[in-house]
Amino acid sequence: MLKETADFVARFTYKPLQKRVTHTIRKKAIKSTKARLAVHHQSFEDYSDDELEIIIEDEERKIIDSLKTKSLIAALSLLGISLFP
């Protein structure tokens, strides 16, 4: 059952687009991390590679969460549903 589901999903997934979106999100996360470190007067050299990876993953998660929220609001507005009465 799981293999059939995975095959079904793989059939409708466009890998180059997925890679490009992931790459774009990673670039935005790195820019956000640079800005976050600049505010605290720090640089990339102050952290190890593992620590930087954790910080960048946190920024990626924030970006993805904001995209999900914006998508939900857009979908609701297309349906004529308002969150703010």
PDB file of N, CA and C in Angstrom:
ATOM      1  N   MET A   1       0.816  -1.195   0.000  1.00  0.00           N
ATOM      2  CA  MET A   1       0.000   0.000   0.000  1.00  0.00           C
ATOM      3  C   MET A   1       0.863   1.263   0.000  1.00  0.00           C
ATOM      4  N   LEU A   2       1.905   1.297   0.841  1.00  0.00           N
ATOM      5  CA  LEU A   2       2.765   2.472   0.894  1.00  0.00           C
ATOM      6  C   LEU A   2       3.536   2.668  -0.401  1.00  0.00           C
ATOM      7  N   LYS A   3       3.979   1.573  -0.994  1.00  0.00           N
ATOM      8  CA  LYS A   3       4.713   1.687  -2.252  1.00  0.00           C
ATOM      9  C   LYS A   3       3.814   2.229  -3.355  1.00  0.00           C
ATOM     10  N   GLU A   4       2.556   1.773  -3.391  1.00  0.00           N
ATOM     11  CA  GLU A   4       1.610   2.273  -4.388  1.00  0.00           C
ATOM     12  C   GLU A   4       1.373   3.768  -4.203  1.00  0.00           C
ATOM     13  N   THR A   5       1.257   4.197  -2.968  1.00  0.00           N
ATOM     14  CA  THR A   5       1.059   5.615  -2.685  1.00  0.00           C
ATOM     15  C   THR A   5       2.287   6.412  -3.085  1.00  0.00           C
ATOM     16  N   ALA A   6       3.463   5.912  -2.775  1.00  0.00           N
ATOM     17  CA  ALA A   6       4.703   6.593  -3.134  1.00  0.00           C
ATOM     18  C   ALA A   6       4.844   6.688  -4.650  1.00  0.00           C
ATOM     19  N   ASP A   7       4.488   5.629  -5.363  1.00  0.00           N
ATOM     20  CA  ASP A   7       4.543   5.657  -6.822  1.00  0.00           C
ATOM     21  C   ASP A   7       3.570   6.682  -7.386  1.00  0.00           C
ATOM     22  N   PHE A   8       2.388   6.761  -6.804  1.00  0.00           N
ATOM     23  CA  PHE A   8       1.376   7.712  -7.244  1.00  0.00           C
ATOM     24  C   PHE A   8       1.869   9.144  -7.056  1.00  0.00           C
ATOM     25  N   VAL A   9       2.450   9.421  -5.895  1.00  0.00           N
ATOM     26  CA  VAL A   9       2.967  10.762  -5.608  1.00  0.00           C
ATOM     27  C   VAL A   9       4.142  11.076  -6.519  1.00  0.00           C
ATOM     28  N   ALA A  10       5.015  10.111  -6.735  1.00  0.00           N
ATOM     29  CA  ALA A  10       6.193  10.322  -7.579  1.00  0.00           C
ATOM     30  C   ALA A  10       5.799  10.626  -9.012  1.00  0.00           C
ATOM     31  N   ARG A  11       4.698  10.061  -9.455  1.00  0.00           N
ATOM     32  CA  ARG A  11       4.246  10.295 -10.818  1.00  0.00           C
ATOM     33  C   ARG A  11       3.823  11.743 -11.034  1.00  0.00           C
ATOM     34  N   PHE A  12       3.306  12.393 -10.002  1.00  0.00           N
ATOM     35  CA  PHE A  12       2.809  13.749 -10.123  1.00  0.00           C
ATOM     36  C   PHE A  12       3.727  14.796  -9.507  1.00  0.00           C
ATOM     37  N   THR A  13       4.957  14.423  -9.221  1.00  0.00           N
ATOM     38  CA  THR A  13       5.925  15.356  -8.665  1.00  0.00           C
ATOM     39  C   THR A  13       6.917  15.735  -9.754  1.00  0.00           C
ATOM     40  N   TYR A  14       7.105  17.015  -9.936  1.00  0.00           N
ATOM     41  CA  TYR A  14       8.022  17.514 -10.949  1.00  0.00           C
ATOM     42  C   TYR A  14       9.322  17.897 -10.248  1.00  0.00           C
ATOM     43  N   LYS A  15      10.316  17.030 -10.349  1.00  0.00           N
ATOM     44  CA  LYS A  15      11.562  17.158  -9.590  1.00  0.00           C
ATOM     45  C   LYS A  15      12.325  18.468  -9.849  1.00  0.00           C
ATOM     46  N   PRO A  16      12.500  18.910 -11.107  1.00  0.00           N
ATOM     47  CA  PRO A  16      13.250  20.166 -11.300  1.00  0.00           C
ATOM     48  C   PRO A  16      12.583  21.358 -10.623  1.00  0.00           C
ATOM     49  N   LEU A  17      11.271  21.421 -10.652  1.00  0.00           N
ATOM     50  CA  LEU A  17      10.558  22.508  -9.992  1.00  0.00           C
ATOM     51  C   LEU A  17      10.727  22.415  -8.481  1.00  0.00           C
ATOM     52  N   GLN A  18      10.627  21.208  -7.958  1.00  0.00           N
ATOM     53  CA  GLN A  18      10.792  20.995  -6.524  1.00  0.00           C
ATOM     54  C   GLN A  18      12.196  21.410  -6.073  1.00  0.00           C
ATOM     55  N   LYS A  19      13.215  21.075  -6.859  1.00  0.00           N
ATOM     56  CA  LYS A  19      14.593  21.451  -6.526  1.00  0.00           C
ATOM     57  C   LYS A  19      14.775  22.963  -6.574  1.00  0.00           C
ATOM     58  N   ARG A  20      14.167  23.608  -7.565  1.00  0.00           N
ATOM     59  CA  ARG A  20      14.298  25.050  -7.704  1.00  0.00           C
ATOM     60  C   ARG A  20      13.630  25.781  -6.537  1.00  0.00           C
ATOM     61  N   VAL A  21      12.452  25.299  -6.130  1.00  0.00           N
ATOM     62  CA  VAL A  21      11.762  25.903  -4.996  1.00  0.00           C
ATOM     63  C   VAL A  21      12.578  25.715  -3.721  1.00  0.00           C
ATOM     64  N   THR A  22      13.101  24.517  -3.515  1.00  0.00           N
ATOM     65  CA  THR A  22      13.925  24.248  -2.341  1.00  0.00           C
ATOM     66  C   THR A  22      15.168  25.136  -2.331  1.00  0.00           C
ATOM     67  N   HIS A  23      15.785  25.303  -3.493  1.00  0.00           N
ATOM     68  CA  HIS A  23      16.976  26.138  -3.609  1.00  0.00           C
ATOM     69  C   HIS A  23      16.644  27.600  -3.305  1.00  0.00           C
ATOM     70  N   THR A  24      15.512  28.079  -3.803  1.00  0.00           N
ATOM     71  CA  THR A  24      15.100  29.461  -3.559  1.00  0.00           C
ATOM     72  C   THR A  24      14.810  29.694  -2.079  1.00  0.00           C
ATOM     73  N   ILE A  25      14.142  28.736  -1.453  1.00  0.00           N
ATOM     74  CA  ILE A  25      13.860  28.853  -0.024  1.00  0.00           C
ATOM     75  C   ILE A  25      15.161  28.851   0.759  1.00  0.00           C
ATOM     76  N   ARG A  26      16.118  28.018   0.370  1.00  0.00           N
ATOM     77  CA  ARG A  26      17.419  27.959   1.054  1.00  0.00           C
ATOM     78  C   ARG A  26      18.143  29.293   0.926  1.00  0.00           C
ATOM     79  N   LYS A  27      18.112  29.907  -0.280  1.00  0.00           N
ATOM     80  CA  LYS A  27      18.769  31.196  -0.474  1.00  0.00           C
ATOM     81  C   LYS A  27      18.138  32.271   0.400  1.00  0.00           C
ATOM     82  N   LYS A  28      16.801  32.285   0.483  1.00  0.00           N
ATOM     83  CA  LYS A  28      16.122  33.260   1.338  1.00  0.00           C
ATOM     84  C   LYS A  28      16.460  33.024   2.806  1.00  0.00           C
ATOM     85  N   ALA A  29      16.561  31.765   3.194  1.00  0.00           N
ATOM     86  CA  ALA A  29      16.890  31.437   4.581  1.00  0.00           C
ATOM     87  C   ALA A  29      18.302  31.898   4.920  1.00  0.00           C
ATOM     88  N   ILE A  30      19.223  31.759   3.998  1.00  0.00           N
ATOM     89  CA  ILE A  30      20.600  32.212   4.234  1.00  0.00           C
ATOM     90  C   ILE A  30      20.642  33.729   4.367  1.00  0.00           C
ATOM     91  N   LYS A  31      19.877  34.438   3.523  1.00  0.00           N
ATOM     92  CA  LYS A  31      19.816  35.894   3.642  1.00  0.00           C
ATOM     93  C   LYS A  31      19.215  36.308   4.979  1.00  0.00           C
ATOM     94  N   SER A  32      18.166  35.613   5.397  1.00  0.00           N
ATOM     95  CA  SER A  32      17.545  35.917   6.689  1.00  0.00           C
ATOM     96  C   SER A  32      18.507  35.654   7.834  1.00  0.00           C
ATOM     97  N   THR A  33      19.276  34.579   7.713  1.00  0.00           N
ATOM     98  CA  THR A  33      20.257  34.254   8.744  1.00  0.00           C
ATOM     99  C   THR A  33      21.345  35.316   8.807  1.00  0.00           C
ATOM    100  N   LYS A  34      21.806  35.780   7.646  1.00  0.00           N
ATOM    101  CA  LYS A  34      22.819  36.842   7.628  1.00  0.00           C
ATOM    102  C   LYS A  34      22.277  38.099   8.304  1.00  0.00           C
ATOM    103  N   ALA A  35      21.022  38.446   8.013  1.00  0.00           N
ATOM    104  CA  ALA A  35      20.421  39.632   8.624  1.00  0.00           C
ATOM    105  C   ALA A  35      20.266  39.439  10.128  1.00  0.00           C
ATOM    106  N   ARG A  36      19.842  38.255  10.521  1.00  0.00           N
ATOM    107  CA  ARG A  36      19.658  37.948  11.945  1.00  0.00           C
ATOM    108  C   ARG A  36      20.993  38.046  12.698  1.00  0.00           C
ATOM    109  N   LEU A  37      22.048  37.534  12.088  1.00  0.00           N
ATOM    110  CA  LEU A  37      23.368  37.605  12.725  1.00  0.00           C
ATOM    111  C   LEU A  37      23.913  39.033  12.735  1.00  0.00           C
ATOM    112  N   ALA A  38      23.618  39.808  11.692  1.00  0.00           N
ATOM    113  CA  ALA A  38      24.093  41.187  11.626  1.00  0.00           C
ATOM    114  C   ALA A  38      23.454  42.034  12.720  1.00  0.00           C
ATOM    115  N   VAL A  39      22.206  41.764  13.017  1.00  0.00           N
ATOM    116  CA  VAL A  39      21.527  42.497  14.082  1.00  0.00           C
ATOM    117  C   VAL A  39      22.214  42.263  15.425  1.00  0.00           C
ATOM    118  N   HIS A  40      22.722  41.062  15.617  1.00  0.00           N
ATOM    119  CA  HIS A  40      23.383  40.708  16.869  1.00  0.00           C
ATOM    120  C   HIS A  40      24.898  40.910  16.805  1.00  0.00           C
ATOM    121  N   HIS A  41      25.375  41.580  15.744  1.00  0.00           N
ATOM    122  CA  HIS A  41      26.801  41.882  15.554  1.00  0.00           C
ATOM    123  C   HIS A  41      27.657  40.615  15.589  1.00  0.00           C
ATOM    124  N   GLN A  42      27.208  39.596  14.851  1.00  0.00           N
ATOM    125  CA  GLN A  42      27.950  38.351  14.752  1.00  0.00           C
ATOM    126  C   GLN A  42      28.135  38.006  13.278  1.00  0.00           C
ATOM    127  N   SER A  43      28.970  37.008  13.007  1.00  0.00           N
ATOM    128  CA  SER A  43      29.192  36.578  11.628  1.00  0.00           C
ATOM    129  C   SER A  43      29.137  35.050  11.560  1.00  0.00           C
ATOM    130  N   PHE A  44      29.234  34.540  10.343  1.00  0.00           N
ATOM    131  CA  PHE A  44      29.201  33.094  10.143  1.00  0.00           C
ATOM    132  C   PHE A  44      30.375  32.398  10.828  1.00  0.00           C
ATOM    133  N   GLU A  45      31.496  33.094  10.934  1.00  0.00           N
ATOM    134  CA  GLU A  45      32.690  32.496  11.531  1.00  0.00           C
ATOM    135  C   GLU A  45      32.532  32.245  13.026  1.00  0.00           C
ATOM    136  N   ASP A  46      31.568  32.905  13.647  1.00  0.00           N
ATOM    137  CA  ASP A  46      31.346  32.727  15.079  1.00  0.00           C
ATOM    138  C   ASP A  46      30.667  31.396  15.408  1.00  0.00           C
ATOM    139  N   TYR A  47      30.140  30.731  14.404  1.00  0.00           N
ATOM    140  CA  TYR A  47      29.395  29.492  14.614  1.00  0.00           C
ATOM    141  C   TYR A  47      30.039  28.344  13.854  1.00  0.00           C
ATOM    142  N   SER A  48      29.818  27.124  14.353  1.00  0.00           N
ATOM    143  CA  SER A  48      30.295  25.940  13.634  1.00  0.00           C
ATOM    144  C   SER A  48      29.313  25.627  12.505  1.00  0.00           C
ATOM    145  N   ASP A  49      29.704  24.714  11.623  1.00  0.00           N
ATOM    146  CA  ASP A  49      28.846  24.345  10.504  1.00  0.00           C
ATOM    147  C   ASP A  49      27.531  23.739  10.978  1.00  0.00           C
ATOM    148  N   ASP A  50      27.592  22.936  12.025  1.00  0.00           N
ATOM    149  CA  ASP A  50      26.372  22.316  12.547  1.00  0.00           C
ATOM    150  C   ASP A  50      25.417  23.369  13.116  1.00  0.00           C
ATOM    151  N   GLU A  51      25.949  24.332  13.826  1.00  0.00           N
ATOM    152  CA  GLU A  51      25.110  25.386  14.391  1.00  0.00           C
ATOM    153  C   GLU A  51      24.483  26.241  13.295  1.00  0.00           C
ATOM    154  N   LEU A  52      25.260  26.553  12.270  1.00  0.00           N
ATOM    155  CA  LEU A  52      24.720  27.327  11.148  1.00  0.00           C
ATOM    156  C   LEU A  52      23.620  26.553  10.431  1.00  0.00           C
ATOM    157  N   GLU A  53      23.812  25.260  10.276  1.00  0.00           N
ATOM    158  CA  GLU A  53      22.801  24.438   9.617  1.00  0.00           C
ATOM    159  C   GLU A  53      21.493  24.469  10.404  1.00  0.00           C
ATOM    160  N   ILE A  54      21.591  24.422  11.710  1.00  0.00           N
ATOM    161  CA  ILE A  54      20.388  24.474  12.552  1.00  0.00           C
ATOM    162  C   ILE A  54      19.696  25.826  12.413  1.00  0.00           C
ATOM    163  N   ILE A  55      20.468  26.901  12.410  1.00  0.00           N
ATOM    164  CA  ILE A  55      19.893  28.241  12.278  1.00  0.00           C
ATOM    165  C   ILE A  55      19.224  28.407  10.919  1.00  0.00           C
ATOM    166  N   ILE A  56      19.882  27.932   9.867  1.00  0.00           N
ATOM    167  CA  ILE A  56      19.320  28.043   8.516  1.00  0.00           C
ATOM    168  C   ILE A  56      18.062  27.190   8.381  1.00  0.00           C
ATOM    169  N   GLU A  57      18.048  25.998   8.948  1.00  0.00           N
ATOM    170  CA  GLU A  57      16.849  25.159   8.910  1.00  0.00           C
ATOM    171  C   GLU A  57      15.691  25.816   9.643  1.00  0.00           C
ATOM    172  N   ASP A  58      15.992  26.510  10.735  1.00  0.00           N
ATOM    173  CA  ASP A  58      14.957  27.238  11.463  1.00  0.00           C
ATOM    174  C   ASP A  58      14.368  28.342  10.580  1.00  0.00           C
ATOM    175  N   GLU A  59      15.220  29.059   9.879  1.00  0.00           N
ATOM    176  CA  GLU A  59      14.745  30.114   8.975  1.00  0.00           C
ATOM    177  C   GLU A  59      13.938  29.519   7.822  1.00  0.00           C
ATOM    178  N   GLU A  60      14.381  28.366   7.296  1.00  0.00           N
ATOM    179  CA  GLU A  60      13.618  27.700   6.235  1.00  0.00           C
ATOM    180  C   GLU A  60      12.225  27.330   6.725  1.00  0.00           C
ATOM    181  N   ARG A  61      12.147  26.803   7.947  1.00  0.00           N
ATOM    182  CA  ARG A  61      10.853  26.432   8.512  1.00  0.00           C
ATOM    183  C   ARG A  61       9.942  27.652   8.640  1.00  0.00           C
ATOM    184  N   LYS A  62      10.513  28.793   9.056  1.00  0.00           N
ATOM    185  CA  LYS A  62       9.733  30.020   9.169  1.00  0.00           C
ATOM    186  C   LYS A  62       9.204  30.465   7.809  1.00  0.00           C
ATOM    187  N   ILE A  63      10.047  30.368   6.787  1.00  0.00           N
ATOM    188  CA  ILE A  63       9.640  30.764   5.431  1.00  0.00           C
ATOM    189  C   ILE A  63       8.525  29.854   4.927  1.00  0.00           C
ATOM    190  N   ILE A  64       8.672  28.558   5.116  1.00  0.00           N
ATOM    191  CA  ILE A  64       7.654  27.610   4.666  1.00  0.00           C
ATOM    192  C   ILE A  64       6.340  27.828   5.407  1.00  0.00           C
ATOM    193  N   ASP A  65       6.416  28.090   6.713  1.00  0.00           N
ATOM    194  CA  ASP A  65       5.206  28.365   7.483  1.00  0.00           C
ATOM    195  C   ASP A  65       4.502  29.620   6.987  1.00  0.00           C
ATOM    196  N   SER A  66       5.257  30.657   6.679  1.00  0.00           N
ATOM    197  CA  SER A  66       4.632  31.881   6.174  1.00  0.00           C
ATOM    198  C   SER A  66       4.007  31.651   4.802  1.00  0.00           C
ATOM    199  N   LEU A  67       4.648  30.834   3.966  1.00  0.00           N
ATOM    200  CA  LEU A  67       4.063  30.516   2.659  1.00  0.00           C
ATOM    201  C   LEU A  67       2.761  29.734   2.809  1.00  0.00           C
ATOM    202  N   LYS A  68       2.729  28.809   3.752  1.00  0.00           N
ATOM    203  CA  LYS A  68       1.506  28.047   3.997  1.00  0.00           C
ATOM    204  C   LYS A  68       0.380  28.962   4.457  1.00  0.00           C
ATOM    205  N   THR A  69       0.697  29.886   5.358  1.00  0.00           N
ATOM    206  CA  THR A  69      -0.308  30.808   5.867  1.00  0.00           C
ATOM    207  C   THR A  69      -0.840  31.699   4.754  1.00  0.00           C
ATOM    208  N   LYS A  70       0.056  32.228   3.940  1.00  0.00           N
ATOM    209  CA  LYS A  70      -0.353  33.088   2.838  1.00  0.00           C
ATOM    210  C   LYS A  70      -1.195  32.317   1.828  1.00  0.00           C
ATOM    211  N   SER A  71      -0.837  31.065   1.567  1.00  0.00           N
ATOM    212  CA  SER A  71      -1.601  30.244   0.628  1.00  0.00           C
ATOM    213  C   SER A  71      -3.000  29.972   1.156  1.00  0.00           C
ATOM    214  N   LEU A  72      -3.108  29.696   2.445  1.00  0.00           N
ATOM    215  CA  LEU A  72      -4.414  29.453   3.050  1.00  0.00           C
ATOM    216  C   LEU A  72      -5.290  30.691   2.962  1.00  0.00           C
ATOM    217  N   ILE A  73      -4.724  31.846   3.261  1.00  0.00           N
ATOM    218  CA  ILE A  73      -5.489  33.095   3.196  1.00  0.00           C
ATOM    219  C   ILE A  73      -5.929  33.375   1.757  1.00  0.00           C
ATOM    220  N   ALA A  74      -5.042  33.112   0.796  1.00  0.00           N
ATOM    221  CA  ALA A  74      -5.394  33.320  -0.605  1.00  0.00           C
ATOM    222  C   ALA A  74      -6.517  32.378  -1.039  1.00  0.00           C
ATOM    223  N   ALA A  75      -6.434  31.116  -0.627  1.00  0.00           N
ATOM    224  CA  ALA A  75      -7.471  30.149  -0.991  1.00  0.00           C
ATOM    225  C   ALA A  75      -8.808  30.530  -0.358  1.00  0.00           C
ATOM    226  N   LEU A  76      -8.787  30.956   0.890  1.00  0.00           N
ATOM    227  CA  LEU A  76     -10.028  31.365   1.554  1.00  0.00           C
ATOM    228  C   LEU A  76     -10.615  32.611   0.909  1.00  0.00           C
ATOM    229  N   SER A  77      -9.762  33.537   0.494  1.00  0.00           N
ATOM    230  CA  SER A  77     -10.284  34.746  -0.140  1.00  0.00           C
ATOM    231  C   SER A  77     -10.892  34.434  -1.507  1.00  0.00           C
ATOM    232  N   LEU A  78     -10.326  33.454  -2.211  1.00  0.00           N
ATOM    233  CA  LEU A  78     -10.922  33.042  -3.482  1.00  0.00           C
ATOM    234  C   LEU A  78     -12.298  32.422  -3.273  1.00  0.00           C
ATOM    235  N   LEU A  79     -12.483  31.766  -2.149  1.00  0.00           N
ATOM    236  CA  LEU A  79     -13.781  31.169  -1.830  1.00  0.00           C
ATOM    237  C   LEU A  79     -14.736  32.190  -1.226  1.00  0.00           C
ATOM    238  N   GLY A  80     -14.265  33.389  -0.971  1.00  0.00           N
ATOM    239  CA  GLY A  80     -15.114  34.432  -0.420  1.00  0.00           C
ATOM    240  C   GLY A  80     -15.260  34.363   1.079  1.00  0.00           C
ATOM    241  N   ILE A  81     -14.349  33.646   1.733  1.00  0.00           N
ATOM    242  CA  ILE A  81     -14.397  33.517   3.183  1.00  0.00           C
ATOM    243  C   ILE A  81     -13.386  34.491   3.784  1.00  0.00           C
ATOM    244  N   SER A  82     -13.848  35.307   4.706  1.00  0.00           N
ATOM    245  CA  SER A  82     -12.975  36.283   5.343  1.00  0.00           C
ATOM    246  C   SER A  82     -12.643  35.858   6.746  1.00  0.00           C
ATOM    247  N   LEU A  83     -11.383  35.986   7.129  1.00  0.00           N
ATOM    248  CA  LEU A  83     -10.976  35.685   8.494  1.00  0.00           C
ATOM    249  C   LEU A  83     -11.223  36.855   9.418  1.00  0.00           C
ATOM    250  N   PHE A  84     -11.343  38.045   8.838  1.00  0.00           N
ATOM    251  CA  PHE A  84     -11.529  39.258   9.626  1.00  0.00           C
ATOM    252  C   PHE A  84     -12.898  39.842   9.309  1.00  0.00           C
ATOM    253  N   PRO A  85     -13.851  39.699  10.213  1.00  0.00           N
ATOM    254  CA  PRO A  85     -15.218  40.198   9.925  1.00  0.00           C
ATOM    255  C   PRO A  85     -15.306  41.699   9.908  1.00  0.00           C
TER     256      PRO A  85
END
